[in-house]
């Protein structure tokens, strides 16, 4: 499944129910689905700012963590 970098001008409120938002740490390659982004940062928070605030839960380093937008497969 190919993903697209979330980019500078995309916010959590722009996503639809068929999107997933995996994050990956460019330091250790850990992948995870970040929980609570809208609750924590709001629907209008741009992913460019959210990425800078994320910490990897595997290596505990801050950034660069990259968010990608994926579409769920159709059944």
N, C-alpha and C. Protein backbone atom coordinates (compact mmCIF):
# COMPACT_ATOMS: atom_id res chain seq x y z
N UNK A 1 0.85 -1.17 0.00
CA UNK A 1 0.00 0.00 0.00
C UNK A 1 0.90 1.24 0.00
N UNK A 2 0.79 2.05 -1.01
CA UNK A 2 1.61 3.25 -1.11
C UNK A 2 0.99 4.36 -0.30
N UNK A 3 1.85 5.18 0.28
CA UNK A 3 1.38 6.31 1.07
C UNK A 3 1.88 7.60 0.48
N UNK A 4 1.29 8.67 0.94
CA UNK A 4 1.67 9.99 0.52
C UNK A 4 2.05 10.77 1.76
N UNK A 5 3.18 11.47 1.71
CA UNK A 5 3.57 12.29 2.85
C UNK A 5 2.46 13.28 3.12
N UNK A 6 2.13 13.46 4.37
CA UNK A 6 1.00 14.30 4.75
C UNK A 6 1.17 15.74 4.26
N UNK A 7 2.38 16.19 4.08
CA UNK A 7 2.60 17.52 3.52
C UNK A 7 2.45 18.63 4.53
N UNK A 8 2.55 19.81 4.04
CA UNK A 8 2.57 20.98 4.91
C UNK A 8 1.19 21.55 5.20
N UNK A 9 0.23 21.34 4.33
CA UNK A 9 -1.06 22.01 4.48
C UNK A 9 -2.23 21.05 4.62
N UNK A 10 -2.00 19.91 5.26
CA UNK A 10 -3.05 18.93 5.52
C UNK A 10 -3.24 18.86 7.04
N UNK A 11 -4.49 18.76 7.45
CA UNK A 11 -4.81 18.71 8.88
C UNK A 11 -5.63 17.44 9.16
N UNK A 12 -5.69 17.00 10.41
CA UNK A 12 -6.47 15.81 10.74
C UNK A 12 -7.93 15.91 10.31
N UNK A 13 -8.50 17.10 10.35
CA UNK A 13 -9.88 17.28 9.94
C UNK A 13 -10.12 17.08 8.46
N UNK A 14 -9.04 17.08 7.65
CA UNK A 14 -9.15 16.86 6.21
C UNK A 14 -9.28 15.38 5.84
N UNK A 15 -8.95 14.49 6.76
CA UNK A 15 -8.96 13.06 6.48
C UNK A 15 -10.38 12.51 6.53
N UNK A 16 -10.61 11.43 5.81
CA UNK A 16 -11.90 10.76 5.79
C UNK A 16 -11.76 9.40 6.46
N UNK A 17 -12.89 8.72 6.65
CA UNK A 17 -12.88 7.45 7.37
C UNK A 17 -12.09 6.37 6.64
N UNK A 18 -11.85 6.53 5.37
CA UNK A 18 -11.08 5.52 4.62
C UNK A 18 -9.58 5.80 4.64
N UNK A 19 -9.15 6.82 5.35
CA UNK A 19 -7.73 7.12 5.46
C UNK A 19 -7.15 6.56 6.75
N UNK A 20 -5.92 6.14 6.69
CA UNK A 20 -5.15 5.81 7.88
C UNK A 20 -3.97 6.77 7.91
N UNK A 21 -3.39 6.94 9.06
CA UNK A 21 -2.31 7.91 9.21
C UNK A 21 -1.14 7.29 9.97
N UNK A 22 -0.40 6.39 9.35
CA UNK A 22 0.75 5.83 10.05
C UNK A 22 1.86 6.86 10.18
N UNK A 23 2.59 6.76 11.25
CA UNK A 23 3.76 7.60 11.47
C UNK A 23 4.98 6.69 11.51
N UNK A 24 6.10 7.17 11.00
CA UNK A 24 7.32 6.38 11.10
C UNK A 24 8.48 7.27 11.48
N UNK A 25 9.34 6.72 12.31
CA UNK A 25 10.52 7.42 12.80
C UNK A 25 11.65 7.23 11.80
N UNK A 26 12.22 8.32 11.36
CA UNK A 26 13.31 8.21 10.40
C UNK A 26 14.63 7.85 11.07
N UNK A 27 14.66 7.83 12.42
CA UNK A 27 15.86 7.41 13.13
C UNK A 27 15.96 5.90 13.24
N UNK A 28 14.84 5.25 13.64
CA UNK A 28 14.89 3.81 13.90
C UNK A 28 13.92 3.00 13.03
N UNK A 29 13.15 3.65 12.16
CA UNK A 29 12.19 3.01 11.25
C UNK A 29 10.98 2.40 11.95
N UNK A 30 10.73 2.75 13.19
CA UNK A 30 9.56 2.27 13.91
C UNK A 30 8.31 2.86 13.26
N UNK A 31 7.28 2.02 13.06
CA UNK A 31 5.99 2.45 12.49
C UNK A 31 4.91 2.32 13.56
N UNK A 32 3.99 3.28 13.60
CA UNK A 32 2.88 3.22 14.55
C UNK A 32 1.74 4.09 14.04
N UNK A 33 0.54 3.79 14.51
CA UNK A 33 -0.63 4.63 14.25
C UNK A 33 -0.77 5.56 15.45
N UNK A 34 -0.49 6.85 15.28
CA UNK A 34 -0.60 7.76 16.42
C UNK A 34 -2.06 7.92 16.84
N UNK A 35 -2.31 7.83 18.12
CA UNK A 35 -3.67 7.93 18.64
C UNK A 35 -3.91 9.33 19.21
N UNK A 36 -5.11 9.82 19.05
CA UNK A 36 -5.51 11.06 19.69
C UNK A 36 -4.97 12.33 19.09
N UNK A 37 -4.63 12.33 17.80
CA UNK A 37 -4.08 13.55 17.20
C UNK A 37 -5.09 14.70 17.22
N UNK A 38 -6.36 14.41 16.90
CA UNK A 38 -7.36 15.48 16.89
C UNK A 38 -7.59 15.99 18.31
N UNK A 39 -7.68 15.07 19.26
CA UNK A 39 -7.89 15.47 20.65
C UNK A 39 -6.73 16.32 21.15
N UNK A 40 -5.53 15.94 20.81
CA UNK A 40 -4.34 16.63 21.31
C UNK A 40 -4.04 17.93 20.58
N UNK A 41 -4.17 17.93 19.25
CA UNK A 41 -3.74 19.09 18.47
C UNK A 41 -4.88 19.85 17.81
N UNK A 42 -6.07 19.26 17.72
CA UNK A 42 -7.21 19.90 17.09
C UNK A 42 -7.34 19.52 15.62
N UNK A 43 -8.56 19.68 15.08
CA UNK A 43 -8.83 19.30 13.69
C UNK A 43 -8.06 20.14 12.69
N UNK A 44 -7.73 21.36 13.05
CA UNK A 44 -7.10 22.27 12.11
C UNK A 44 -5.59 22.32 12.19
N UNK A 45 -4.97 21.53 13.07
CA UNK A 45 -3.51 21.56 13.22
C UNK A 45 -2.86 20.99 11.97
N UNK A 46 -1.94 21.72 11.40
CA UNK A 46 -1.25 21.24 10.19
C UNK A 46 -0.26 20.15 10.57
N UNK A 47 -0.17 19.13 9.72
CA UNK A 47 0.73 18.02 10.00
C UNK A 47 2.18 18.44 10.07
N UNK A 48 2.55 19.51 9.41
CA UNK A 48 3.93 19.98 9.47
C UNK A 48 4.31 20.33 10.91
N UNK A 49 3.40 20.92 11.67
CA UNK A 49 3.66 21.24 13.07
C UNK A 49 3.53 20.03 13.96
N UNK A 50 2.58 19.16 13.67
CA UNK A 50 2.37 17.96 14.47
C UNK A 50 3.60 17.05 14.37
N UNK A 51 4.14 16.89 13.18
CA UNK A 51 5.32 16.03 12.99
C UNK A 51 6.48 16.48 13.88
N UNK A 52 6.67 17.79 13.99
CA UNK A 52 7.79 18.30 14.80
C UNK A 52 7.59 18.03 16.29
N UNK A 53 6.33 17.88 16.72
CA UNK A 53 6.04 17.67 18.13
C UNK A 53 6.04 16.19 18.54
N UNK A 54 6.01 15.27 17.57
CA UNK A 54 5.91 13.85 17.89
C UNK A 54 7.24 13.27 18.36
N UNK A 55 7.16 12.32 19.27
CA UNK A 55 8.31 11.56 19.74
C UNK A 55 8.11 10.10 19.38
N UNK A 56 9.16 9.43 19.01
CA UNK A 56 9.10 8.00 18.72
C UNK A 56 9.00 7.24 20.04
N UNK A 57 8.05 6.31 20.12
CA UNK A 57 7.88 5.53 21.34
C UNK A 57 8.86 4.36 21.42
N UNK A 58 9.61 4.13 20.35
CA UNK A 58 10.57 3.04 20.34
C UNK A 58 11.96 3.53 20.76
N UNK A 59 12.44 4.59 20.10
CA UNK A 59 13.79 5.08 20.41
C UNK A 59 13.76 6.34 21.28
N UNK A 60 12.54 6.85 21.55
CA UNK A 60 12.35 8.03 22.40
C UNK A 60 13.06 9.29 21.91
N UNK A 61 13.27 9.37 20.61
CA UNK A 61 13.86 10.57 20.04
C UNK A 61 12.78 11.40 19.37
N UNK A 62 12.94 12.68 19.45
CA UNK A 62 11.99 13.57 18.78
C UNK A 62 12.43 13.79 17.35
N UNK A 63 11.62 13.44 16.44
CA UNK A 63 11.82 13.71 15.03
C UNK A 63 13.14 13.25 14.47
N UNK A 64 13.23 13.25 13.21
CA UNK A 64 12.06 13.54 12.41
C UNK A 64 11.13 12.33 12.34
N UNK A 65 9.89 12.56 12.79
CA UNK A 65 8.82 11.58 12.64
C UNK A 65 7.98 12.04 11.47
N UNK A 66 7.67 11.13 10.59
CA UNK A 66 6.96 11.48 9.36
C UNK A 66 5.57 10.85 9.36
N UNK A 67 4.57 11.65 9.07
CA UNK A 67 3.19 11.16 8.94
C UNK A 67 2.90 10.92 7.47
N UNK A 68 2.22 9.82 7.19
CA UNK A 68 1.83 9.51 5.82
C UNK A 68 0.34 9.21 5.77
N UNK A 69 -0.29 9.59 4.68
CA UNK A 69 -1.71 9.31 4.49
C UNK A 69 -1.83 8.08 3.60
N UNK A 70 -2.56 7.08 4.09
CA UNK A 70 -2.82 5.87 3.32
C UNK A 70 -4.32 5.69 3.19
N UNK A 71 -4.74 5.03 2.13
CA UNK A 71 -6.14 4.66 1.96
C UNK A 71 -6.31 3.22 2.36
N UNK A 72 -7.40 2.93 3.07
CA UNK A 72 -7.72 1.54 3.39
C UNK A 72 -8.05 0.81 2.10
N UNK A 73 -7.69 -0.46 2.00
CA UNK A 73 -8.03 -1.22 0.78
C UNK A 73 -9.53 -1.41 0.66
N UNK A 74 -10.02 -1.42 -0.56
CA UNK A 74 -11.43 -1.69 -0.80
C UNK A 74 -11.68 -3.18 -0.74
N UNK A 75 -12.80 -3.55 -0.20
CA UNK A 75 -13.14 -4.98 -0.12
C UNK A 75 -14.11 -5.35 -1.18
